[in-house]
Amino acid sequence: MLEGINDSDQDIDLILDFIKDLKNIQQVNLLPYHKMGREKYQRLNLEYKMSGEEKPDDNKLKDIKAKFERNKYLTVIGG
């Protein structure tokens, strides 16, 4: 999840609408943004364009998790 990119109520509603007809969804994993790729970009001499502040706060992630659970999806924050 990226704050301001795919964590809005509308984004989550669109995801739920997309997966509702998929019969093979057993679990939803909400993967918060992390900075682990930053060093890889440096080693490859590539510009890292993310600021590192894109992770939604924990309360926002809990709200998103609850919304998926209200729609009957087993939901985990993280991998």
PDB file of N, CA and C in Angstrom:
ATOM      1  N   MET A   1       0.845  -1.167   0.000  1.00  0.00           N
ATOM      2  CA  MET A   1       0.000   0.000   0.000  1.00  0.00           C
ATOM      3  C   MET A   1       0.896   1.237   0.000  1.00  0.00           C
ATOM      4  N   LEU A   2       0.520   2.162  -0.830  1.00  0.00           N
ATOM      5  CA  LEU A   2       1.236   3.430  -0.920  1.00  0.00           C
ATOM      6  C   LEU A   2       0.288   4.558  -0.527  1.00  0.00           C
ATOM      7  N   GLU A   3       0.691   5.325   0.472  1.00  0.00           N
ATOM      8  CA  GLU A   3      -0.146   6.433   0.932  1.00  0.00           C
ATOM      9  C   GLU A   3      -0.388   7.416  -0.202  1.00  0.00           C
ATOM     10  N   GLY A   4      -1.659   7.712  -0.431  1.00  0.00           N
ATOM     11  CA  GLY A   4      -2.022   8.665  -1.465  1.00  0.00           C
ATOM     12  C   GLY A   4      -2.007   8.097  -2.876  1.00  0.00           C
ATOM     13  N   ILE A   5      -1.626   6.843  -3.022  1.00  0.00           N
ATOM     14  CA  ILE A   5      -1.566   6.215  -4.353  1.00  0.00           C
ATOM     15  C   ILE A   5      -2.661   5.163  -4.497  1.00  0.00           C
ATOM     16  N   ASN A   6      -2.741   4.234  -3.542  1.00  0.00           N
ATOM     17  CA  ASN A   6      -3.748   3.182  -3.645  1.00  0.00           C
ATOM     18  C   ASN A   6      -4.379   2.841  -2.295  1.00  0.00           C
ATOM     19  N   ASP A   7      -4.513   3.828  -1.418  1.00  0.00           N
ATOM     20  CA  ASP A   7      -5.076   3.558  -0.096  1.00  0.00           C
ATOM     21  C   ASP A   7      -6.358   4.338   0.205  1.00  0.00           C
ATOM     22  N   SER A   8      -6.919   4.987  -0.793  1.00  0.00           N
ATOM     23  CA  SER A   8      -8.154   5.748  -0.551  1.00  0.00           C
ATOM     24  C   SER A   8      -9.353   4.805  -0.477  1.00  0.00           C
ATOM     25  N   ASP A   9     -10.446   5.294   0.073  1.00  0.00           N
ATOM     26  CA  ASP A   9     -11.673   4.487   0.119  1.00  0.00           C
ATOM     27  C   ASP A   9     -12.085   4.057  -1.280  1.00  0.00           C
ATOM     28  N   GLN A  10     -11.958   4.972  -2.241  1.00  0.00           N
ATOM     29  CA  GLN A  10     -12.318   4.634  -3.621  1.00  0.00           C
ATOM     30  C   GLN A  10     -11.409   3.530  -4.171  1.00  0.00           C
ATOM     31  N   ASP A  11     -10.108   3.609  -3.887  1.00  0.00           N
ATOM     32  CA  ASP A  11      -9.183   2.566  -4.342  1.00  0.00           C
ATOM     33  C   ASP A  11      -9.573   1.209  -3.766  1.00  0.00           C
ATOM     34  N   ILE A  12      -9.852   1.175  -2.478  1.00  0.00           N
ATOM     35  CA  ILE A  12     -10.201  -0.091  -1.831  1.00  0.00           C
ATOM     36  C   ILE A  12     -11.523  -0.622  -2.383  1.00  0.00           C
ATOM     37  N   ASP A  13     -12.497   0.255  -2.610  1.00  0.00           N
ATOM     38  CA  ASP A  13     -13.763  -0.175  -3.212  1.00  0.00           C
ATOM     39  C   ASP A  13     -13.547  -0.761  -4.600  1.00  0.00           C
ATOM     40  N   LEU A  14     -12.665  -0.153  -5.389  1.00  0.00           N
ATOM     41  CA  LEU A  14     -12.371  -0.681  -6.729  1.00  0.00           C
ATOM     42  C   LEU A  14     -11.711  -2.050  -6.648  1.00  0.00           C
ATOM     43  N   ILE A  15     -10.807  -2.238  -5.698  1.00  0.00           N
ATOM     44  CA  ILE A  15     -10.170  -3.545  -5.520  1.00  0.00           C
ATOM     45  C   ILE A  15     -11.213  -4.579  -5.117  1.00  0.00           C
ATOM     46  N   LEU A  16     -12.057  -4.229  -4.163  1.00  0.00           N
ATOM     47  CA  LEU A  16     -13.109  -5.155  -3.737  1.00  0.00           C
ATOM     48  C   LEU A  16     -14.044  -5.500  -4.887  1.00  0.00           C
ATOM     49  N   ASP A  17     -14.390  -4.526  -5.692  1.00  0.00           N
ATOM     50  CA  ASP A  17     -15.255  -4.768  -6.835  1.00  0.00           C
ATOM     51  C   ASP A  17     -14.574  -5.702  -7.842  1.00  0.00           C
ATOM     52  N   PHE A  18     -13.283  -5.535  -8.020  1.00  0.00           N
ATOM     53  CA  PHE A  18     -12.536  -6.377  -8.960  1.00  0.00           C
ATOM     54  C   PHE A  18     -12.466  -7.828  -8.482  1.00  0.00           C
ATOM     55  N   ILE A  19     -12.225  -8.033  -7.190  1.00  0.00           N
ATOM     56  CA  ILE A  19     -12.016  -9.403  -6.712  1.00  0.00           C
ATOM     57  C   ILE A  19     -13.297 -10.135  -6.328  1.00  0.00           C
ATOM     58  N   LYS A  20     -14.422  -9.445  -6.265  1.00  0.00           N
ATOM     59  CA  LYS A  20     -15.648 -10.075  -5.766  1.00  0.00           C
ATOM     60  C   LYS A  20     -16.080 -11.286  -6.578  1.00  0.00           C
ATOM     61  N   ASP A  21     -15.808 -11.297  -7.870  1.00  0.00           N
ATOM     62  CA  ASP A  21     -16.221 -12.420  -8.711  1.00  0.00           C
ATOM     63  C   ASP A  21     -15.129 -13.477  -8.881  1.00  0.00           C
ATOM     64  N   LEU A  22     -13.964 -13.232  -8.314  1.00  0.00           N
ATOM     65  CA  LEU A  22     -12.884 -14.216  -8.385  1.00  0.00           C
ATOM     66  C   LEU A  22     -13.112 -15.253  -7.290  1.00  0.00           C
ATOM     67  N   LYS A  23     -13.213 -16.483  -7.671  1.00  0.00           N
ATOM     68  CA  LYS A  23     -13.573 -17.539  -6.711  1.00  0.00           C
ATOM     69  C   LYS A  23     -12.358 -18.146  -6.006  1.00  0.00           C
ATOM     70  N   ASN A  24     -11.155 -17.750  -6.393  1.00  0.00           N
ATOM     71  CA  ASN A  24      -9.958 -18.379  -5.833  1.00  0.00           C
ATOM     72  C   ASN A  24      -9.225 -17.498  -4.820  1.00  0.00           C
ATOM     73  N   ILE A  25      -9.843 -16.427  -4.356  1.00  0.00           N
ATOM     74  CA  ILE A  25      -9.204 -15.557  -3.371  1.00  0.00           C
ATOM     75  C   ILE A  25      -9.397 -16.179  -1.986  1.00  0.00           C
ATOM     76  N   GLN A  26      -8.296 -16.652  -1.395  1.00  0.00           N
ATOM     77  CA  GLN A  26      -8.368 -17.257  -0.077  1.00  0.00           C
ATOM     78  C   GLN A  26      -7.925 -16.291   1.015  1.00  0.00           C
ATOM     79  N   GLN A  27      -7.069 -15.342   0.658  1.00  0.00           N
ATOM     80  CA  GLN A  27      -6.547 -14.400   1.643  1.00  0.00           C
ATOM     81  C   GLN A  27      -6.080 -13.146   0.929  1.00  0.00           C
ATOM     82  N   VAL A  28      -6.234 -12.012   1.594  1.00  0.00           N
ATOM     83  CA  VAL A  28      -5.732 -10.735   1.095  1.00  0.00           C
ATOM     84  C   VAL A  28      -4.579 -10.313   1.999  1.00  0.00           C
ATOM     85  N   ASN A  29      -3.430 -10.048   1.404  1.00  0.00           N
ATOM     86  CA  ASN A  29      -2.278  -9.549   2.151  1.00  0.00           C
ATOM     87  C   ASN A  29      -2.086  -8.081   1.806  1.00  0.00           C
ATOM     88  N   LEU A  30      -2.193  -7.221   2.783  1.00  0.00           N
ATOM     89  CA  LEU A  30      -1.940  -5.797   2.589  1.00  0.00           C
ATOM     90  C   LEU A  30      -0.458  -5.562   2.826  1.00  0.00           C
ATOM     91  N   LEU A  31       0.250  -5.199   1.790  1.00  0.00           N
ATOM     92  CA  LEU A  31       1.698  -5.042   1.867  1.00  0.00           C
ATOM     93  C   LEU A  31       2.043  -3.566   1.908  1.00  0.00           C
ATOM     94  N   PRO A  32       2.360  -3.043   3.104  1.00  0.00           N
ATOM     95  CA  PRO A  32       2.733  -1.639   3.206  1.00  0.00           C
ATOM     96  C   PRO A  32       4.049  -1.375   2.490  1.00  0.00           C
ATOM     97  N   TYR A  33       4.181  -0.191   1.948  1.00  0.00           N
ATOM     98  CA  TYR A  33       5.422   0.222   1.304  1.00  0.00           C
ATOM     99  C   TYR A  33       6.586   0.078   2.275  1.00  0.00           C
ATOM    100  N   HIS A  34       7.722  -0.335   1.765  1.00  0.00           N
ATOM    101  CA  HIS A  34       8.941  -0.400   2.567  1.00  0.00           C
ATOM    102  C   HIS A  34      10.103   0.160   1.753  1.00  0.00           C
ATOM    103  N   LYS A  35      11.226   0.386   2.396  1.00  0.00           N
ATOM    104  CA  LYS A  35      12.375   1.025   1.757  1.00  0.00           C
ATOM    105  C   LYS A  35      13.447   0.024   1.332  1.00  0.00           C
ATOM    106  N   MET A  36      13.145  -1.243   1.302  1.00  0.00           N
ATOM    107  CA  MET A  36      14.172  -2.252   1.056  1.00  0.00           C
ATOM    108  C   MET A  36      14.812  -2.149  -0.330  1.00  0.00           C
ATOM    109  N   GLY A  37      14.107  -1.580  -1.291  1.00  0.00           N
ATOM    110  CA  GLY A  37      14.658  -1.481  -2.639  1.00  0.00           C
ATOM    111  C   GLY A  37      15.615  -0.314  -2.847  1.00  0.00           C
ATOM    112  N   ARG A  38      15.663   0.597  -1.899  1.00  0.00           N
ATOM    113  CA  ARG A  38      16.484   1.802  -2.041  1.00  0.00           C
ATOM    114  C   ARG A  38      17.959   1.463  -2.294  1.00  0.00           C
ATOM    115  N   GLU A  39      18.505   0.549  -1.510  1.00  0.00           N
ATOM    116  CA  GLU A  39      19.918   0.191  -1.665  1.00  0.00           C
ATOM    117  C   GLU A  39      20.192  -0.477  -3.007  1.00  0.00           C
ATOM    118  N   LYS A  40      19.246  -1.256  -3.474  1.00  0.00           N
ATOM    119  CA  LYS A  40      19.404  -1.914  -4.772  1.00  0.00           C
ATOM    120  C   LYS A  40      19.524  -0.867  -5.886  1.00  0.00           C
ATOM    121  N   TYR A  41      18.699   0.147  -5.819  1.00  0.00           N
ATOM    122  CA  TYR A  41      18.779   1.223  -6.804  1.00  0.00           C
ATOM    123  C   TYR A  41      20.153   1.894  -6.756  1.00  0.00           C
ATOM    124  N   GLN A  42      20.663   2.130  -5.550  1.00  0.00           N
ATOM    125  CA  GLN A  42      21.979   2.761  -5.414  1.00  0.00           C
ATOM    126  C   GLN A  42      23.067   1.889  -6.030  1.00  0.00           C
ATOM    127  N   ARG A  43      23.014   0.581  -5.772  1.00  0.00           N
ATOM    128  CA  ARG A  43      24.018  -0.330  -6.338  1.00  0.00           C
ATOM    129  C   ARG A  43      23.975  -0.348  -7.857  1.00  0.00           C
ATOM    130  N   LEU A  44      22.791  -0.140  -8.408  1.00  0.00           N
ATOM    131  CA  LEU A  44      22.626  -0.153  -9.867  1.00  0.00           C
ATOM    132  C   LEU A  44      22.795   1.238 -10.478  1.00  0.00           C
ATOM    133  N   ASN A  45      23.169   2.208  -9.644  1.00  0.00           N
ATOM    134  CA  ASN A  45      23.326   3.598 -10.082  1.00  0.00           C
ATOM    135  C   ASN A  45      22.061   4.141 -10.739  1.00  0.00           C
ATOM    136  N   LEU A  46      20.919   3.792 -10.148  1.00  0.00           N
ATOM    137  CA  LEU A  46      19.633   4.277 -10.632  1.00  0.00           C
ATOM    138  C   LEU A  46      19.057   5.264  -9.624  1.00  0.00           C
ATOM    139  N   GLU A  47      18.291   6.195 -10.114  1.00  0.00           N
ATOM    140  CA  GLU A  47      17.646   7.165  -9.240  1.00  0.00           C
ATOM    141  C   GLU A  47      16.455   6.510  -8.540  1.00  0.00           C
ATOM    142  N   TYR A  48      16.405   6.643  -7.239  1.00  0.00           N
ATOM    143  CA  TYR A  48      15.289   6.138  -6.447  1.00  0.00           C
ATOM    144  C   TYR A  48      14.296   7.279  -6.277  1.00  0.00           C
ATOM    145  N   LYS A  49      13.144   7.178  -6.914  1.00  0.00           N
ATOM    146  CA  LYS A  49      12.219   8.310  -6.981  1.00  0.00           C
ATOM    147  C   LYS A  49      11.205   8.360  -5.841  1.00  0.00           C
ATOM    148  N   MET A  50      11.170   7.340  -5.016  1.00  0.00           N
ATOM    149  CA  MET A  50      10.235   7.347  -3.895  1.00  0.00           C
ATOM    150  C   MET A  50      10.889   8.087  -2.731  1.00  0.00           C
ATOM    151  N   SER A  51      10.090   8.781  -1.953  1.00  0.00           N
ATOM    152  CA  SER A  51      10.657   9.551  -0.843  1.00  0.00           C
ATOM    153  C   SER A  51      10.910   8.693   0.387  1.00  0.00           C
ATOM    154  N   GLY A  52      10.236   7.576   0.467  1.00  0.00           N
ATOM    155  CA  GLY A  52      10.369   6.735   1.649  1.00  0.00           C
ATOM    156  C   GLY A  52       9.294   6.989   2.681  1.00  0.00           C
ATOM    157  N   GLU A  53       8.410   7.928   2.409  1.00  0.00           N
ATOM    158  CA  GLU A  53       7.345   8.276   3.351  1.00  0.00           C
ATOM    159  C   GLU A  53       5.978   7.834   2.839  1.00  0.00           C
ATOM    160  N   GLU A  54       5.946   6.869   1.953  1.00  0.00           N
ATOM    161  CA  GLU A  54       4.704   6.476   1.297  1.00  0.00           C
ATOM    162  C   GLU A  54       3.893   5.432   2.052  1.00  0.00           C
ATOM    163  N   LYS A  55       4.373   4.955   3.192  1.00  0.00           N
ATOM    164  CA  LYS A  55       3.663   3.926   3.938  1.00  0.00           C
ATOM    165  C   LYS A  55       2.474   4.550   4.670  1.00  0.00           C
ATOM    166  N   PRO A  56       1.269   3.999   4.476  1.00  0.00           N
ATOM    167  CA  PRO A  56       0.119   4.489   5.243  1.00  0.00           C
ATOM    168  C   PRO A  56       0.355   4.238   6.734  1.00  0.00           C
ATOM    169  N   ASP A  57      -0.221   5.090   7.579  1.00  0.00           N
ATOM    170  CA  ASP A  57      -0.030   4.871   9.012  1.00  0.00           C
ATOM    171  C   ASP A  57      -0.786   3.620   9.455  1.00  0.00           C
ATOM    172  N   ASP A  58      -0.430   3.126  10.621  1.00  0.00           N
ATOM    173  CA  ASP A  58      -0.972   1.857  11.104  1.00  0.00           C
ATOM    174  C   ASP A  58      -2.493   1.888  11.244  1.00  0.00           C
ATOM    175  N   ASN A  59      -3.046   3.015  11.663  1.00  0.00           N
ATOM    176  CA  ASN A  59      -4.504   3.108  11.785  1.00  0.00           C
ATOM    177  C   ASN A  59      -5.188   2.988  10.437  1.00  0.00           C
ATOM    178  N   LYS A  60      -4.599   3.606   9.414  1.00  0.00           N
ATOM    179  CA  LYS A  60      -5.161   3.514   8.058  1.00  0.00           C
ATOM    180  C   LYS A  60      -5.136   2.063   7.585  1.00  0.00           C
ATOM    181  N   LEU A  61      -4.012   1.376   7.815  1.00  0.00           N
ATOM    182  CA  LEU A  61      -3.914  -0.029   7.423  1.00  0.00           C
ATOM    183  C   LEU A  61      -4.946  -0.880   8.159  1.00  0.00           C
ATOM    184  N   LYS A  62      -5.168  -0.605   9.439  1.00  0.00           N
ATOM    185  CA  LYS A  62      -6.170  -1.348  10.204  1.00  0.00           C
ATOM    186  C   LYS A  62      -7.567  -1.088   9.661  1.00  0.00           C
ATOM    187  N   ASP A  63      -7.843   0.146   9.250  1.00  0.00           N
ATOM    188  CA  ASP A  63      -9.148   0.476   8.657  1.00  0.00           C
ATOM    189  C   ASP A  63      -9.350  -0.268   7.340  1.00  0.00           C
ATOM    190  N   ILE A  64      -8.305  -0.314   6.519  1.00  0.00           N
ATOM    191  CA  ILE A  64      -8.391  -1.027   5.234  1.00  0.00           C
ATOM    192  C   ILE A  64      -8.603  -2.518   5.491  1.00  0.00           C
ATOM    193  N   LYS A  65      -7.861  -3.060   6.441  1.00  0.00           N
ATOM    194  CA  LYS A  65      -8.010  -4.480   6.805  1.00  0.00           C
ATOM    195  C   LYS A  65      -9.447  -4.769   7.228  1.00  0.00           C
ATOM    196  N   ALA A  66      -9.996  -3.914   8.058  1.00  0.00           N
ATOM    197  CA  ALA A  66     -11.365  -4.100   8.541  1.00  0.00           C
ATOM    198  C   ALA A  66     -12.368  -4.074   7.384  1.00  0.00           C
ATOM    199  N   LYS A  67     -12.128  -3.218   6.401  1.00  0.00           N
ATOM    200  CA  LYS A  67     -13.037  -3.135   5.249  1.00  0.00           C
ATOM    201  C   LYS A  67     -13.024  -4.440   4.452  1.00  0.00           C
ATOM    202  N   PHE A  68     -11.846  -5.016   4.251  1.00  0.00           N
ATOM    203  CA  PHE A  68     -11.771  -6.305   3.558  1.00  0.00           C
ATOM    204  C   PHE A  68     -12.454  -7.389   4.394  1.00  0.00           C
ATOM    205  N   GLU A  69     -12.243  -7.366   5.694  1.00  0.00           N
ATOM    206  CA  GLU A  69     -12.849  -8.376   6.559  1.00  0.00           C
ATOM    207  C   GLU A  69     -14.366  -8.257   6.587  1.00  0.00           C
ATOM    208  N   ARG A  70     -14.889  -7.033   6.542  1.00  0.00           N
ATOM    209  CA  ARG A  70     -16.340  -6.844   6.468  1.00  0.00           C
ATOM    210  C   ARG A  70     -16.906  -7.458   5.194  1.00  0.00           C
ATOM    211  N   ASN A  71     -16.055  -7.560   4.177  1.00  0.00           N
ATOM    212  CA  ASN A  71     -16.470  -8.183   2.913  1.00  0.00           C
ATOM    213  C   ASN A  71     -16.110  -9.653   2.858  1.00  0.00           C
ATOM    214  N   LYS A  72     -15.840 -10.238   4.021  1.00  0.00           N
ATOM    215  CA  LYS A  72     -15.634 -11.677   4.202  1.00  0.00           C
ATOM    216  C   LYS A  72     -14.314 -12.199   3.640  1.00  0.00           C
ATOM    217  N   TYR A  73     -13.270 -11.362   3.598  1.00  0.00           N
ATOM    218  CA  TYR A  73     -11.947 -11.803   3.170  1.00  0.00           C
ATOM    219  C   TYR A  73     -11.031 -11.918   4.378  1.00  0.00           C
ATOM    220  N   LEU A  74     -10.388 -13.071   4.513  1.00  0.00           N
ATOM    221  CA  LEU A  74      -9.323 -13.215   5.488  1.00  0.00           C
ATOM    222  C   LEU A  74      -8.227 -12.258   5.079  1.00  0.00           C
ATOM    223  N   THR A  75      -7.835 -11.357   5.970  1.00  0.00           N
ATOM    224  CA  THR A  75      -6.928 -10.271   5.600  1.00  0.00           C
ATOM    225  C   THR A  75      -5.793 -10.170   6.610  1.00  0.00           C
ATOM    226  N   VAL A  76      -4.569 -10.029   6.078  1.00  0.00           N
ATOM    227  CA  VAL A  76      -3.365  -9.947   6.887  1.00  0.00           C
ATOM    228  C   VAL A  76      -2.593  -8.698   6.465  1.00  0.00           C
ATOM    229  N   ILE A  77      -2.060  -7.968   7.437  1.00  0.00           N
ATOM    230  CA  ILE A  77      -1.178  -6.856   7.122  1.00  0.00           C
ATOM    231  C   ILE A  77       0.246  -7.405   7.083  1.00  0.00           C
ATOM    232  N   GLY A  78       0.879  -7.280   5.947  1.00  0.00           N
ATOM    233  CA  GLY A  78       2.212  -7.848   5.736  1.00  0.00           C
ATOM    234  C   GLY A  78       2.127  -9.114   4.914  1.00  0.00           C
ATOM    235  N   GLY A  79       3.256  -9.764   4.746  1.00  0.00           N
ATOM    236  CA  GLY A  79       3.323 -10.966   3.902  1.00  0.00           C
ATOM    237  C   GLY A  79       3.175 -12.173   4.695  1.00  0.00           C
TER     238      GLY A  79
END
